[in-house]
């Protein structure tokens, strides 16, 4: 059993979420966007002002994965900049801490 204080916890949590998925309901602004649970996690951290390197650390993912997921989120939300993504996320009340 792994405890939250252990260094491997973020990696375990990320893998478990990716495997199990989540039953998150997206606000209407994202209907049809097709964001995955992992992309929602990335968007939430972008909305909190984290850069890609901080997201890598927070989610225990590779730089390439985070970069690809940020690009996917931008494409799905039809935005070109982080600022636009932050505005859409905040308008939808996304940007709070992860569960």
Protein backbone atom coordinates (compact mmCIF):
# COMPACT_ATOMS: atom_id res chain seq x y z
CA UNK A 1 0.00 0.00 0.00
CA UNK A 2 1.25 3.46 -0.86
CA UNK A 3 0.83 6.51 1.35
CA UNK A 4 0.37 10.08 0.11
CA UNK A 5 3.65 11.13 1.73
CA UNK A 6 5.69 8.64 -0.30
CA UNK A 7 7.61 9.92 -3.33
CA UNK A 8 5.90 7.45 -5.68
CA UNK A 9 2.40 8.68 -4.76
CA UNK A 10 1.99 11.21 -7.64
CA UNK A 11 3.01 8.59 -10.19
CA UNK A 12 0.65 6.02 -8.68
CA UNK A 13 -2.23 8.52 -8.54
CA UNK A 14 -1.69 9.59 -12.14
CA UNK A 15 -1.55 5.97 -13.35
CA UNK A 16 -4.66 5.03 -11.37
CA UNK A 17 -6.62 7.99 -12.74
CA UNK A 18 -5.52 7.24 -16.26
CA UNK A 19 -6.46 3.56 -15.91
CA UNK A 20 -9.78 4.10 -14.13
CA UNK A 21 -10.80 7.37 -15.71
CA UNK A 22 -13.04 9.72 -13.81
CA UNK A 23 -16.70 10.54 -13.90
CA UNK A 24 -16.21 14.26 -14.22
CA UNK A 25 -18.98 16.29 -15.75
CA UNK A 26 -17.72 19.08 -17.93
CA UNK A 27 -19.37 22.47 -17.90
CA UNK A 28 -21.41 23.39 -20.98
CA UNK A 29 -18.55 25.46 -22.37
CA UNK A 30 -16.67 22.19 -22.99
CA UNK A 31 -19.54 20.10 -24.41
CA UNK A 32 -18.29 18.33 -27.49
CA UNK A 33 -14.66 19.30 -26.87
CA UNK A 34 -13.78 15.68 -26.14
CA UNK A 35 -11.26 16.39 -23.38
CA UNK A 36 -9.92 13.27 -21.69
CA UNK A 37 -9.61 13.08 -17.90
CA UNK A 38 -5.83 13.56 -18.27
CA UNK A 39 -6.35 16.63 -20.44
CA UNK A 40 -8.74 18.05 -17.86
CA UNK A 41 -6.06 17.58 -15.19
CA UNK A 42 -3.55 19.40 -17.40
CA UNK A 43 -6.03 22.21 -18.16
CA UNK A 44 -6.76 22.62 -14.46
CA UNK A 45 -3.05 23.10 -13.75
CA UNK A 46 -2.62 25.47 -16.71
CA UNK A 47 -5.51 27.51 -15.28
CA UNK A 48 -3.68 27.62 -11.94
CA UNK A 49 -0.78 29.28 -13.75
CA UNK A 50 1.63 26.35 -13.83
CA UNK A 51 4.11 26.08 -16.68
CA UNK A 52 4.77 22.78 -18.44
CA UNK A 53 7.70 21.85 -16.18
CA UNK A 54 5.59 22.36 -13.05
CA UNK A 55 2.82 20.25 -14.61
CA UNK A 56 5.39 17.52 -15.35
CA UNK A 57 6.30 17.48 -11.66
CA UNK A 58 2.73 17.69 -10.37
CA UNK A 59 1.40 14.89 -12.55
CA UNK A 60 4.56 12.77 -12.75
CA UNK A 61 4.44 12.75 -16.55
CA UNK A 62 7.14 13.24 -19.15
CA UNK A 63 7.77 16.65 -20.71
CA UNK A 64 6.70 15.31 -24.09
CA UNK A 65 3.41 13.95 -22.72
CA UNK A 66 2.57 17.25 -21.03
CA UNK A 67 3.54 19.24 -24.13
CA UNK A 68 1.35 16.99 -26.29
CA UNK A 69 -1.57 17.18 -23.88
CA UNK A 70 -1.35 20.98 -23.65
CA UNK A 71 -1.38 21.13 -27.47
CA UNK A 72 -4.35 18.74 -27.60
CA UNK A 73 -6.27 20.87 -25.09
CA UNK A 74 -5.59 24.01 -27.12
CA UNK A 75 -6.81 22.31 -30.28
CA UNK A 76 -9.94 20.90 -28.68
CA UNK A 77 -10.82 24.22 -27.05
CA UNK A 78 -9.91 26.09 -30.25
CA UNK A 79 -7.51 28.44 -28.51
CA UNK A 80 -4.02 29.51 -29.55
CA UNK A 81 -2.53 30.74 -26.29
CA UNK A 82 -2.29 29.73 -22.64
CA UNK A 83 -4.11 32.93 -21.72
CA UNK A 84 -7.10 31.96 -23.86
CA UNK A 85 -7.13 28.48 -22.32
CA UNK A 86 -6.99 29.97 -18.83
CA UNK A 87 -9.95 32.24 -19.59
CA UNK A 88 -12.05 29.33 -20.89
CA UNK A 89 -11.09 27.16 -17.92
CA UNK A 90 -11.82 29.86 -15.37
CA UNK A 91 -15.14 30.69 -17.05
CA UNK A 92 -16.03 27.03 -16.54
CA UNK A 93 -14.84 27.06 -12.91
CA UNK A 94 -11.89 24.82 -13.72
CA UNK A 95 -8.69 25.69 -11.98
CA UNK A 96 -9.20 24.43 -8.44
CA UNK A 97 -6.95 21.91 -6.75
CA UNK A 98 -6.96 18.31 -7.90
CA UNK A 99 -8.91 15.89 -5.75
